N, C-alpha and C. Protein backbone atom coordinates (compact mmCIF):
# COMPACT_ATOMS: atom_id res chain seq x y z
N UNK A 1 16.18 -4.09 13.52
CA UNK A 1 16.67 -4.82 12.37
C UNK A 1 15.58 -4.98 11.32
N UNK A 2 14.95 -3.89 10.97
CA UNK A 2 13.84 -3.90 10.02
C UNK A 2 14.25 -4.50 8.67
N UNK A 3 15.50 -4.34 8.30
CA UNK A 3 15.93 -4.82 6.99
C UNK A 3 15.87 -6.34 6.86
N UNK A 4 15.70 -7.07 7.96
CA UNK A 4 15.65 -8.53 7.92
C UNK A 4 14.22 -9.08 7.83
N UNK A 5 13.20 -8.24 7.98
CA UNK A 5 11.81 -8.70 7.91
C UNK A 5 11.49 -9.11 6.48
N UNK A 6 10.96 -10.33 6.31
CA UNK A 6 10.65 -10.85 4.98
C UNK A 6 9.14 -10.99 4.77
N UNK A 7 8.43 -11.51 5.77
CA UNK A 7 6.99 -11.74 5.66
C UNK A 7 6.28 -11.08 6.84
N UNK A 8 5.16 -10.41 6.55
CA UNK A 8 4.35 -9.79 7.60
C UNK A 8 2.90 -10.24 7.40
N UNK A 9 2.30 -10.75 8.48
CA UNK A 9 0.90 -11.14 8.46
C UNK A 9 0.18 -10.25 9.48
N UNK A 10 -0.53 -9.26 8.97
CA UNK A 10 -1.23 -8.32 9.84
C UNK A 10 -2.55 -8.98 10.26
N UNK A 11 -2.79 -9.13 11.56
CA UNK A 11 -3.95 -9.88 12.03
C UNK A 11 -5.29 -9.15 11.86
N UNK A 12 -6.37 -9.95 11.80
CA UNK A 12 -7.72 -9.40 11.76
C UNK A 12 -7.93 -8.51 12.98
N UNK A 13 -8.69 -7.47 12.79
CA UNK A 13 -8.96 -6.52 13.86
C UNK A 13 -8.14 -5.25 13.71
N UNK A 14 -7.00 -5.34 13.03
CA UNK A 14 -6.18 -4.15 12.79
C UNK A 14 -6.87 -3.31 11.73
N UNK A 15 -7.10 -2.03 12.05
CA UNK A 15 -7.78 -1.13 11.14
C UNK A 15 -6.84 -0.17 10.43
N UNK A 16 -5.69 0.09 11.04
CA UNK A 16 -4.78 1.10 10.49
C UNK A 16 -3.33 0.66 10.61
N UNK A 17 -2.56 0.95 9.57
CA UNK A 17 -1.11 0.74 9.61
C UNK A 17 -0.52 2.13 9.76
N UNK A 18 0.22 2.34 10.81
CA UNK A 18 0.73 3.66 11.16
C UNK A 18 1.80 4.20 10.23
N UNK A 19 2.03 5.47 10.37
CA UNK A 19 3.03 6.20 9.58
C UNK A 19 4.40 5.51 9.71
N UNK A 20 5.01 5.22 8.57
CA UNK A 20 6.37 4.65 8.49
C UNK A 20 6.52 3.30 9.21
N UNK A 21 5.43 2.57 9.38
CA UNK A 21 5.45 1.31 10.13
C UNK A 21 6.47 0.29 9.61
N UNK A 22 6.59 0.17 8.30
CA UNK A 22 7.51 -0.80 7.71
C UNK A 22 8.55 -0.11 6.81
N UNK A 23 8.77 1.15 7.03
CA UNK A 23 9.71 1.94 6.23
C UNK A 23 11.10 1.30 6.24
N UNK A 24 11.69 1.20 5.06
CA UNK A 24 13.04 0.65 4.87
C UNK A 24 13.18 -0.84 5.18
N UNK A 25 12.08 -1.57 5.14
CA UNK A 25 12.15 -3.04 5.28
C UNK A 25 12.49 -3.58 3.89
N UNK A 26 13.73 -3.44 3.50
CA UNK A 26 14.16 -3.74 2.14
C UNK A 26 14.07 -5.22 1.76
N UNK A 27 13.96 -6.12 2.73
CA UNK A 27 13.83 -7.55 2.44
C UNK A 27 12.38 -8.03 2.43
N UNK A 28 11.45 -7.15 2.76
CA UNK A 28 10.04 -7.52 2.83
C UNK A 28 9.51 -7.91 1.46
N UNK A 29 9.01 -9.14 1.34
CA UNK A 29 8.49 -9.62 0.06
C UNK A 29 6.99 -9.85 0.09
N UNK A 30 6.44 -10.17 1.27
CA UNK A 30 5.03 -10.55 1.36
C UNK A 30 4.35 -9.90 2.55
N UNK A 31 3.17 -9.32 2.30
CA UNK A 31 2.35 -8.75 3.37
C UNK A 31 0.93 -9.25 3.19
N UNK A 32 0.35 -9.79 4.25
CA UNK A 32 -1.05 -10.20 4.25
C UNK A 32 -1.83 -9.16 5.03
N UNK A 33 -2.88 -8.64 4.42
CA UNK A 33 -3.67 -7.58 5.02
C UNK A 33 -5.02 -8.12 5.49
N UNK A 34 -5.52 -7.65 6.66
CA UNK A 34 -6.81 -8.12 7.17
C UNK A 34 -7.99 -7.41 6.50
N UNK A 35 -9.13 -8.05 6.55
CA UNK A 35 -10.36 -7.46 6.00
C UNK A 35 -10.72 -6.17 6.72
N UNK A 36 -10.30 -6.04 7.97
CA UNK A 36 -10.65 -4.89 8.79
C UNK A 36 -9.83 -3.63 8.48
N UNK A 37 -8.82 -3.74 7.64
CA UNK A 37 -7.94 -2.61 7.34
C UNK A 37 -8.69 -1.49 6.61
N UNK A 38 -8.58 -0.26 7.14
CA UNK A 38 -9.22 0.89 6.50
C UNK A 38 -8.23 1.98 6.10
N UNK A 39 -7.02 1.95 6.68
CA UNK A 39 -6.08 3.04 6.41
C UNK A 39 -4.63 2.55 6.43
N UNK A 40 -3.86 3.03 5.45
CA UNK A 40 -2.42 2.79 5.41
C UNK A 40 -1.77 4.17 5.48
N UNK A 41 -1.01 4.41 6.53
CA UNK A 41 -0.44 5.72 6.80
C UNK A 41 0.70 6.12 5.88
N UNK A 42 1.07 7.37 5.99
CA UNK A 42 2.15 7.95 5.18
C UNK A 42 3.44 7.14 5.34
N UNK A 43 4.06 6.85 4.22
CA UNK A 43 5.35 6.16 4.15
C UNK A 43 5.37 4.80 4.87
N UNK A 44 4.22 4.17 5.00
CA UNK A 44 4.14 2.88 5.70
C UNK A 44 5.05 1.82 5.10
N UNK A 45 5.13 1.78 3.77
CA UNK A 45 5.96 0.78 3.08
C UNK A 45 7.02 1.47 2.23
N UNK A 46 7.43 2.65 2.62
CA UNK A 46 8.44 3.45 1.93
C UNK A 46 9.73 2.64 1.82
N UNK A 47 10.24 2.54 0.63
CA UNK A 47 11.49 1.85 0.32
C UNK A 47 11.50 0.37 0.73
N UNK A 48 10.37 -0.28 0.59
CA UNK A 48 10.30 -1.75 0.74
C UNK A 48 10.58 -2.30 -0.65
N UNK A 49 11.82 -2.25 -1.03
CA UNK A 49 12.23 -2.48 -2.42
C UNK A 49 12.10 -3.92 -2.90
N UNK A 50 11.85 -4.88 -2.02
CA UNK A 50 11.67 -6.28 -2.45
C UNK A 50 10.19 -6.65 -2.61
N UNK A 51 9.31 -5.78 -2.20
CA UNK A 51 7.87 -6.03 -2.30
C UNK A 51 7.47 -5.98 -3.77
N UNK A 52 6.82 -7.05 -4.26
CA UNK A 52 6.47 -7.07 -5.69
C UNK A 52 4.98 -7.18 -5.97
N UNK A 53 4.18 -7.54 -4.95
CA UNK A 53 2.74 -7.67 -5.15
C UNK A 53 2.03 -7.24 -3.87
N UNK A 54 1.01 -6.41 -4.02
CA UNK A 54 0.20 -5.98 -2.88
C UNK A 54 -1.26 -6.21 -3.24
N UNK A 55 -1.93 -7.04 -2.45
CA UNK A 55 -3.34 -7.34 -2.69
C UNK A 55 -4.18 -6.80 -1.54
N UNK A 56 -4.87 -5.70 -1.81
CA UNK A 56 -5.73 -5.06 -0.81
C UNK A 56 -7.21 -5.26 -1.14
N UNK A 57 -7.49 -6.06 -2.14
CA UNK A 57 -8.85 -6.22 -2.64
C UNK A 57 -9.86 -6.63 -1.57
N UNK A 58 -9.47 -7.49 -0.67
CA UNK A 58 -10.41 -8.01 0.33
C UNK A 58 -10.36 -7.23 1.64
N UNK A 59 -9.85 -6.01 1.59
CA UNK A 59 -9.84 -5.14 2.77
C UNK A 59 -10.97 -4.12 2.63
N UNK A 60 -11.13 -3.31 3.65
CA UNK A 60 -12.10 -2.21 3.61
C UNK A 60 -11.34 -0.89 3.53
N UNK A 61 -10.23 -0.89 2.79
CA UNK A 61 -9.34 0.26 2.70
C UNK A 61 -10.06 1.50 2.18
N UNK A 62 -9.89 2.60 2.93
CA UNK A 62 -10.49 3.88 2.54
C UNK A 62 -9.42 4.93 2.22
N UNK A 63 -8.23 4.78 2.80
CA UNK A 63 -7.21 5.80 2.62
C UNK A 63 -5.82 5.19 2.46
N UNK A 64 -5.11 5.69 1.43
CA UNK A 64 -3.69 5.37 1.23
C UNK A 64 -2.92 6.65 1.46
N UNK A 65 -2.06 6.65 2.46
CA UNK A 65 -1.33 7.85 2.87
C UNK A 65 -0.21 8.27 1.93
N UNK A 66 0.23 9.50 2.13
CA UNK A 66 1.30 10.14 1.36
C UNK A 66 2.52 9.22 1.27
N UNK A 67 2.95 8.95 0.04
CA UNK A 67 4.14 8.14 -0.24
C UNK A 67 4.12 6.75 0.42
N UNK A 68 2.94 6.18 0.58
CA UNK A 68 2.80 4.89 1.27
C UNK A 68 3.67 3.79 0.66
N UNK A 69 3.82 3.79 -0.66
CA UNK A 69 4.62 2.76 -1.34
C UNK A 69 5.76 3.38 -2.17
N UNK A 70 6.20 4.56 -1.79
CA UNK A 70 7.27 5.28 -2.47
C UNK A 70 8.56 4.44 -2.44
N UNK A 71 9.27 4.41 -3.55
CA UNK A 71 10.53 3.66 -3.69
C UNK A 71 10.37 2.15 -3.54
N UNK A 72 9.22 1.62 -3.89
CA UNK A 72 9.03 0.15 -3.95
C UNK A 72 9.37 -0.25 -5.38
N UNK A 73 10.64 -0.28 -5.68
CA UNK A 73 11.14 -0.45 -7.05
C UNK A 73 10.68 -1.72 -7.74
N UNK A 74 10.44 -2.78 -6.99
CA UNK A 74 10.04 -4.05 -7.60
C UNK A 74 8.53 -4.29 -7.58
N UNK A 75 7.77 -3.32 -7.12
CA UNK A 75 6.31 -3.48 -7.07
C UNK A 75 5.75 -3.54 -8.49
N UNK A 76 5.17 -4.69 -8.83
CA UNK A 76 4.64 -4.91 -10.18
C UNK A 76 3.12 -4.94 -10.21
N UNK A 77 2.51 -5.31 -9.09
CA UNK A 77 1.07 -5.52 -9.06
C UNK A 77 0.48 -5.00 -7.75
N UNK A 78 -0.62 -4.27 -7.88
CA UNK A 78 -1.35 -3.80 -6.70
C UNK A 78 -2.83 -3.86 -6.99
N UNK A 79 -3.58 -4.49 -6.10
CA UNK A 79 -5.03 -4.58 -6.24
C UNK A 79 -5.66 -3.75 -5.13
N UNK A 80 -6.49 -2.79 -5.53
CA UNK A 80 -7.09 -1.84 -4.59
C UNK A 80 -8.61 -2.03 -4.62
N UNK A 81 -9.26 -2.05 -3.45
CA UNK A 81 -10.71 -2.24 -3.41
C UNK A 81 -11.49 -0.99 -3.80
N UNK A 82 -12.74 -1.19 -4.17
CA UNK A 82 -13.63 -0.08 -4.51
C UNK A 82 -13.91 0.83 -3.33
N UNK A 83 -13.63 0.38 -2.13
CA UNK A 83 -13.89 1.19 -0.93
C UNK A 83 -12.92 2.37 -0.79
N UNK A 84 -11.82 2.39 -1.56
CA UNK A 84 -10.83 3.46 -1.46
C UNK A 84 -11.46 4.81 -1.76
N UNK A 85 -11.25 5.78 -0.85
CA UNK A 85 -11.79 7.12 -1.01
C UNK A 85 -10.71 8.18 -1.15
N UNK A 86 -9.56 7.96 -0.52
CA UNK A 86 -8.50 8.97 -0.54
C UNK A 86 -7.17 8.33 -0.92
N UNK A 87 -6.58 8.88 -1.97
CA UNK A 87 -5.26 8.46 -2.44
C UNK A 87 -4.39 9.71 -2.37
N UNK A 88 -3.53 9.78 -1.35
CA UNK A 88 -2.73 10.97 -1.13
C UNK A 88 -1.56 11.06 -2.10
N UNK A 89 -0.93 12.23 -2.21
CA UNK A 89 0.16 12.43 -3.17
C UNK A 89 1.33 11.47 -2.99
N UNK A 90 1.89 11.06 -4.12
CA UNK A 90 3.13 10.29 -4.13
C UNK A 90 3.03 8.85 -3.67
N UNK A 91 1.83 8.30 -3.59
CA UNK A 91 1.66 6.93 -3.09
C UNK A 91 2.53 5.95 -3.88
N UNK A 92 2.59 6.12 -5.20
CA UNK A 92 3.33 5.19 -6.05
C UNK A 92 4.55 5.82 -6.72
N UNK A 93 5.06 6.91 -6.19
CA UNK A 93 6.27 7.52 -6.76
C UNK A 93 7.43 6.53 -6.71
N UNK A 94 8.21 6.53 -7.76
CA UNK A 94 9.40 5.68 -7.86
C UNK A 94 9.06 4.19 -7.77
N UNK A 95 7.96 3.81 -8.41
CA UNK A 95 7.57 2.40 -8.56
C UNK A 95 7.55 2.12 -10.06
N UNK A 96 8.72 2.06 -10.69
CA UNK A 96 8.79 2.00 -12.15
C UNK A 96 8.20 0.74 -12.79
N UNK A 97 8.08 -0.34 -12.03
CA UNK A 97 7.55 -1.59 -12.60
C UNK A 97 6.04 -1.71 -12.47
N UNK A 98 5.44 -0.80 -11.71
CA UNK A 98 4.00 -0.84 -11.50
C UNK A 98 3.30 -0.22 -12.70
N UNK A 99 2.47 -1.03 -13.35
CA UNK A 99 1.76 -0.58 -14.54
C UNK A 99 0.25 -0.68 -14.28
N UNK A 100 -0.47 0.43 -14.44
CA UNK A 100 -1.92 0.36 -14.24
C UNK A 100 -2.55 -0.59 -15.25
N UNK A 101 -3.44 -1.45 -14.76
CA UNK A 101 -4.06 -2.40 -15.68
C UNK A 101 -5.57 -2.29 -15.71
N UNK A 102 -6.18 -1.96 -14.58
CA UNK A 102 -7.64 -1.88 -14.55
C UNK A 102 -8.07 -0.89 -13.48
N UNK A 103 -8.94 0.00 -13.86
CA UNK A 103 -9.51 0.93 -12.90
C UNK A 103 -10.96 0.53 -12.73
N UNK A 104 -11.31 0.16 -11.52
CA UNK A 104 -12.69 -0.27 -11.26
C UNK A 104 -13.60 0.91 -11.03
N UNK A 105 -14.53 0.72 -10.16
CA UNK A 105 -15.53 1.73 -9.81
C UNK A 105 -14.85 3.03 -9.42
N UNK A 106 -15.37 4.13 -9.92
CA UNK A 106 -14.84 5.44 -9.55
C UNK A 106 -15.93 6.23 -8.85
N UNK A 107 -15.71 6.59 -7.64
CA UNK A 107 -16.66 7.36 -6.85
C UNK A 107 -16.34 8.83 -7.02
N UNK A 108 -17.34 9.63 -7.35
CA UNK A 108 -17.11 11.06 -7.58
C UNK A 108 -16.69 11.78 -6.30
N UNK A 109 -16.84 11.14 -5.15
CA UNK A 109 -16.41 11.73 -3.89
C UNK A 109 -14.97 11.37 -3.54
N UNK A 110 -14.36 10.53 -4.36
CA UNK A 110 -12.99 10.10 -4.10
C UNK A 110 -12.02 11.26 -4.27
N UNK A 111 -10.93 11.20 -3.53
CA UNK A 111 -9.90 12.23 -3.61
C UNK A 111 -8.64 11.59 -4.17
N UNK A 112 -8.18 12.05 -5.32
CA UNK A 112 -6.98 11.52 -5.94
C UNK A 112 -6.06 12.69 -6.24
N UNK A 113 -4.81 12.60 -5.79
CA UNK A 113 -3.88 13.70 -6.00
C UNK A 113 -2.51 13.18 -6.41
N UNK A 114 -1.94 13.71 -7.45
CA UNK A 114 -0.58 13.44 -7.92
C UNK A 114 -0.08 12.03 -7.62
N UNK A 115 -0.53 11.08 -8.42
CA UNK A 115 -0.06 9.72 -8.24
C UNK A 115 1.40 9.66 -8.55
């Protein structure tokens, strides 16, 4: 009954969110991420259409997987830490309300493909 999940608090110690972990959780509005997080897998939050804000600033995120936030129609705000190294294709596809506002530090070793 994934469609009924509204709030997720991912505990400290978790380093990775697996592929399609919260896919189609259409009622999901809030996710708390731990400082230990380094990777969000492909389609982890695919079609979480009620999600409107994602704050990853205080994580150690290094990789955002393919289509991780695809079809998050209500996503308006996302904060990404400077630790990000890999942004795979389609991470923000079909997120029409998400507007880039600030790009922080850019590492020449970072990998960015087809946002």
